[in-house]
């Protein structure tokens, strides 16, 4: 199954289940995050940078699901504060 169909299937399921209850989704970075983290680690990135990579990929995955849900997803803030 390709990823586009899987994403559409998830969004269809979430819309269906939302008629019964309010689903809460936590998106992770998955294989893509692990791939980037592995390459960054082998390039000498520190643990803090590796964490940031994983977080950014998680945010992208969440955005993809929000786009798939279209107007059925709650609005989200893209104003992330960073700790420095």
N, C-alpha and C. Protein backbone atom coordinates (compact mmCIF):
# COMPACT_ATOMS: atom_id res chain seq x y z
N UNK A 1 0.86 -1.18 0.00
CA UNK A 1 0.00 0.00 0.00
C UNK A 1 0.90 1.23 0.00
N UNK A 2 0.58 2.19 -0.87
CA UNK A 2 1.44 3.38 -0.89
C UNK A 2 1.06 4.33 0.24
N UNK A 3 1.96 5.23 0.56
CA UNK A 3 1.77 6.12 1.70
C UNK A 3 0.61 7.09 1.52
N UNK A 4 0.35 7.52 0.29
CA UNK A 4 -0.76 8.44 0.04
C UNK A 4 -2.08 7.77 0.36
N UNK A 5 -2.24 6.53 -0.09
CA UNK A 5 -3.48 5.80 0.21
C UNK A 5 -3.61 5.55 1.70
N UNK A 6 -2.52 5.20 2.35
CA UNK A 6 -2.54 4.96 3.78
C UNK A 6 -2.97 6.22 4.53
N UNK A 7 -2.45 7.36 4.14
CA UNK A 7 -2.82 8.63 4.77
C UNK A 7 -4.30 8.93 4.55
N UNK A 8 -4.80 8.69 3.35
CA UNK A 8 -6.24 8.90 3.08
C UNK A 8 -7.08 7.92 3.89
N UNK A 9 -6.62 6.69 4.02
CA UNK A 9 -7.35 5.70 4.83
C UNK A 9 -7.41 6.12 6.30
N UNK A 10 -6.28 6.61 6.81
CA UNK A 10 -6.27 7.12 8.20
C UNK A 10 -7.27 8.26 8.37
N UNK A 11 -7.24 9.21 7.43
CA UNK A 11 -8.14 10.36 7.58
C UNK A 11 -9.60 9.94 7.47
N UNK A 12 -9.91 9.01 6.59
CA UNK A 12 -11.28 8.50 6.48
C UNK A 12 -11.70 7.83 7.78
N UNK A 13 -10.83 7.01 8.34
CA UNK A 13 -11.12 6.35 9.61
C UNK A 13 -11.34 7.37 10.72
N UNK A 14 -10.48 8.37 10.80
CA UNK A 14 -10.59 9.37 11.86
C UNK A 14 -11.88 10.18 11.75
N UNK A 15 -12.28 10.50 10.53
CA UNK A 15 -13.54 11.22 10.33
C UNK A 15 -14.70 10.34 10.78
N UNK A 16 -14.64 9.06 10.43
CA UNK A 16 -15.71 8.13 10.81
C UNK A 16 -15.80 7.96 12.32
N UNK A 17 -14.66 7.77 12.96
CA UNK A 17 -14.66 7.53 14.41
C UNK A 17 -15.01 8.81 15.17
N UNK A 18 -14.78 9.96 14.57
CA UNK A 18 -15.07 11.23 15.26
C UNK A 18 -16.57 11.45 15.45
N UNK A 19 -17.39 10.65 14.78
CA UNK A 19 -18.83 10.72 15.00
C UNK A 19 -19.21 10.04 16.31
N UNK A 20 -18.32 9.20 16.82
CA UNK A 20 -18.56 8.45 18.05
C UNK A 20 -17.80 9.06 19.23
N UNK A 21 -16.58 9.45 18.98
CA UNK A 21 -15.73 10.01 20.04
C UNK A 21 -14.75 11.00 19.41
N UNK A 22 -14.02 11.71 20.24
CA UNK A 22 -13.04 12.67 19.73
C UNK A 22 -11.66 12.02 19.75
N UNK A 23 -11.16 11.64 18.57
CA UNK A 23 -9.84 11.01 18.55
C UNK A 23 -8.73 12.03 18.82
N UNK A 24 -7.68 11.57 19.46
CA UNK A 24 -6.50 12.38 19.70
C UNK A 24 -5.33 11.64 19.06
N UNK A 25 -4.62 12.32 18.21
CA UNK A 25 -3.54 11.69 17.46
C UNK A 25 -2.21 12.28 17.90
N UNK A 26 -1.24 11.41 18.11
CA UNK A 26 0.12 11.84 18.40
C UNK A 26 0.98 11.35 17.24
N UNK A 27 1.54 12.28 16.49
CA UNK A 27 2.36 11.92 15.33
C UNK A 27 3.81 11.78 15.76
N UNK A 28 4.47 10.80 15.21
CA UNK A 28 5.89 10.60 15.47
C UNK A 28 6.69 10.76 14.19
N UNK A 29 7.96 10.59 14.30
CA UNK A 29 8.85 10.77 13.16
C UNK A 29 8.99 9.54 12.29
N UNK A 30 8.84 8.37 12.90
CA UNK A 30 8.89 7.12 12.15
C UNK A 30 10.23 6.85 11.48
N UNK A 31 10.17 6.08 10.42
CA UNK A 31 11.38 5.67 9.70
C UNK A 31 12.13 6.85 9.11
N UNK A 32 11.41 7.86 8.67
CA UNK A 32 12.08 9.02 8.07
C UNK A 32 12.95 9.71 9.12
N UNK A 33 12.41 9.91 10.32
CA UNK A 33 13.20 10.54 11.39
C UNK A 33 14.41 9.69 11.72
N UNK A 34 14.21 8.38 11.84
CA UNK A 34 15.34 7.51 12.16
C UNK A 34 16.42 7.58 11.08
N UNK A 35 16.00 7.67 9.83
CA UNK A 35 16.95 7.78 8.71
C UNK A 35 17.78 9.06 8.84
N UNK A 36 17.11 10.19 9.05
CA UNK A 36 17.83 11.46 9.19
C UNK A 36 18.73 11.46 10.42
N UNK A 37 18.23 10.93 11.51
CA UNK A 37 19.01 10.91 12.75
C UNK A 37 20.26 10.05 12.58
N UNK A 38 20.13 8.91 11.93
CA UNK A 38 21.28 8.04 11.69
C UNK A 38 22.35 8.76 10.89
N UNK A 39 21.93 9.44 9.82
CA UNK A 39 22.90 10.14 8.97
C UNK A 39 23.50 11.35 9.68
N UNK A 40 22.70 12.06 10.44
CA UNK A 40 23.22 13.21 11.18
C UNK A 40 24.20 12.75 12.26
N UNK A 41 23.87 11.65 12.92
CA UNK A 41 24.77 11.12 13.96
C UNK A 41 26.11 10.73 13.35
N UNK A 42 26.07 10.07 12.19
CA UNK A 42 27.33 9.66 11.55
C UNK A 42 28.12 10.86 11.02
N UNK A 43 27.45 12.00 10.89
CA UNK A 43 28.13 13.22 10.46
C UNK A 43 28.63 14.04 11.65
N UNK A 44 28.37 13.55 12.87
CA UNK A 44 28.90 14.21 14.05
C UNK A 44 27.94 15.13 14.77
N UNK A 45 26.65 15.09 14.44
CA UNK A 45 25.67 15.96 15.12
C UNK A 45 25.54 15.55 16.58
N UNK A 46 25.34 16.55 17.44
CA UNK A 46 25.16 16.25 18.86
C UNK A 46 23.73 15.79 19.14
N UNK A 47 23.50 15.27 20.34
CA UNK A 47 22.19 14.70 20.69
C UNK A 47 21.07 15.72 20.62
N UNK A 48 21.36 16.95 20.98
CA UNK A 48 20.34 17.99 20.91
C UNK A 48 19.88 18.22 19.47
N UNK A 49 20.81 18.23 18.56
CA UNK A 49 20.48 18.40 17.14
C UNK A 49 19.69 17.20 16.63
N UNK A 50 20.07 16.01 17.07
CA UNK A 50 19.34 14.81 16.67
C UNK A 50 17.90 14.86 17.16
N UNK A 51 17.71 15.34 18.40
CA UNK A 51 16.36 15.52 18.93
C UNK A 51 15.56 16.49 18.08
N UNK A 52 16.18 17.60 17.70
CA UNK A 52 15.50 18.61 16.88
C UNK A 52 15.08 18.03 15.53
N UNK A 53 15.94 17.21 14.93
CA UNK A 53 15.59 16.57 13.66
C UNK A 53 14.35 15.69 13.82
N UNK A 54 14.34 14.88 14.86
CA UNK A 54 13.19 14.01 15.11
C UNK A 54 11.92 14.80 15.34
N UNK A 55 12.01 15.89 16.07
CA UNK A 55 10.85 16.74 16.34
C UNK A 55 10.33 17.37 15.06
N UNK A 56 11.22 17.87 14.23
CA UNK A 56 10.79 18.51 12.97
C UNK A 56 10.11 17.51 12.04
N UNK A 57 10.63 16.30 11.94
CA UNK A 57 9.99 15.29 11.10
C UNK A 57 8.62 14.92 11.68
N UNK A 58 8.52 14.84 12.99
CA UNK A 58 7.22 14.56 13.62
C UNK A 58 6.21 15.64 13.27
N UNK A 59 6.65 16.90 13.30
CA UNK A 59 5.76 18.01 12.95
C UNK A 59 5.32 17.93 11.48
N UNK A 60 6.25 17.56 10.61
CA UNK A 60 5.88 17.40 9.19
C UNK A 60 4.85 16.27 9.02
N UNK A 61 5.05 15.16 9.72
CA UNK A 61 4.08 14.07 9.63
C UNK A 61 2.71 14.51 10.14
N UNK A 62 2.69 15.28 11.21
CA UNK A 62 1.42 15.79 11.74
C UNK A 62 0.76 16.71 10.73
N UNK A 63 1.53 17.57 10.09
CA UNK A 63 0.98 18.47 9.08
C UNK A 63 0.38 17.70 7.90
N UNK A 64 1.04 16.63 7.49
CA UNK A 64 0.50 15.81 6.40
C UNK A 64 -0.87 15.25 6.76
N UNK A 65 -1.02 14.79 7.98
CA UNK A 65 -2.32 14.27 8.42
C UNK A 65 -3.35 15.39 8.49
N UNK A 66 -2.96 16.54 8.98
CA UNK A 66 -3.87 17.69 9.03
C UNK A 66 -4.33 18.05 7.62
N UNK A 67 -3.41 18.06 6.66
CA UNK A 67 -3.78 18.36 5.27
C UNK A 67 -4.73 17.31 4.71
N UNK A 68 -4.50 16.05 5.07
CA UNK A 68 -5.38 14.98 4.59
C UNK A 68 -6.78 15.12 5.17
N UNK A 69 -6.86 15.61 6.42
CA UNK A 69 -8.17 15.79 7.07
C UNK A 69 -8.88 17.06 6.58
N UNK A 70 -8.14 17.93 5.92
CA UNK A 70 -8.66 19.18 5.38
C UNK A 70 -9.36 19.99 6.47
N UNK A 71 -10.58 20.41 6.25
CA UNK A 71 -11.26 21.30 7.21
C UNK A 71 -11.82 20.54 8.42
N UNK A 72 -11.57 19.26 8.50
CA UNK A 72 -12.08 18.47 9.63
C UNK A 72 -11.09 18.40 10.79
N UNK A 73 -9.89 18.92 10.61
CA UNK A 73 -8.90 18.94 11.68
C UNK A 73 -9.00 20.26 12.44
N UNK A 74 -8.68 20.21 13.71
CA UNK A 74 -8.66 21.45 14.49
C UNK A 74 -7.53 22.33 13.99
N UNK A 75 -7.74 23.63 14.03
CA UNK A 75 -6.63 24.52 13.65
C UNK A 75 -5.47 24.33 14.63
N UNK A 76 -4.27 24.43 14.14
CA UNK A 76 -3.11 24.27 14.99
C UNK A 76 -2.20 25.48 14.87
N UNK A 77 -1.40 25.67 15.86
CA UNK A 77 -0.45 26.77 15.85
C UNK A 77 0.84 26.30 15.20
N UNK A 78 1.40 27.13 14.35
CA UNK A 78 2.71 26.83 13.78
C UNK A 78 3.77 27.73 14.39
N UNK A 79 3.39 28.45 15.44
CA UNK A 79 4.31 29.33 16.14
C UNK A 79 4.96 28.55 17.29
N UNK A 80 5.99 27.80 16.95
CA UNK A 80 6.66 26.98 17.96
C UNK A 80 7.74 27.82 18.63
N UNK A 81 7.74 27.80 19.93
CA UNK A 81 8.83 28.50 20.62
C UNK A 81 10.02 27.56 20.70
N UNK A 82 11.18 28.14 20.55
CA UNK A 82 12.38 27.32 20.66
C UNK A 82 13.14 27.70 21.90
N UNK A 83 13.74 26.72 22.48
CA UNK A 83 14.54 26.97 23.68
C UNK A 83 15.97 27.15 23.26
N UNK A 84 16.57 28.18 23.69
CA UNK A 84 17.92 28.41 23.26
C UNK A 84 18.78 28.66 24.36
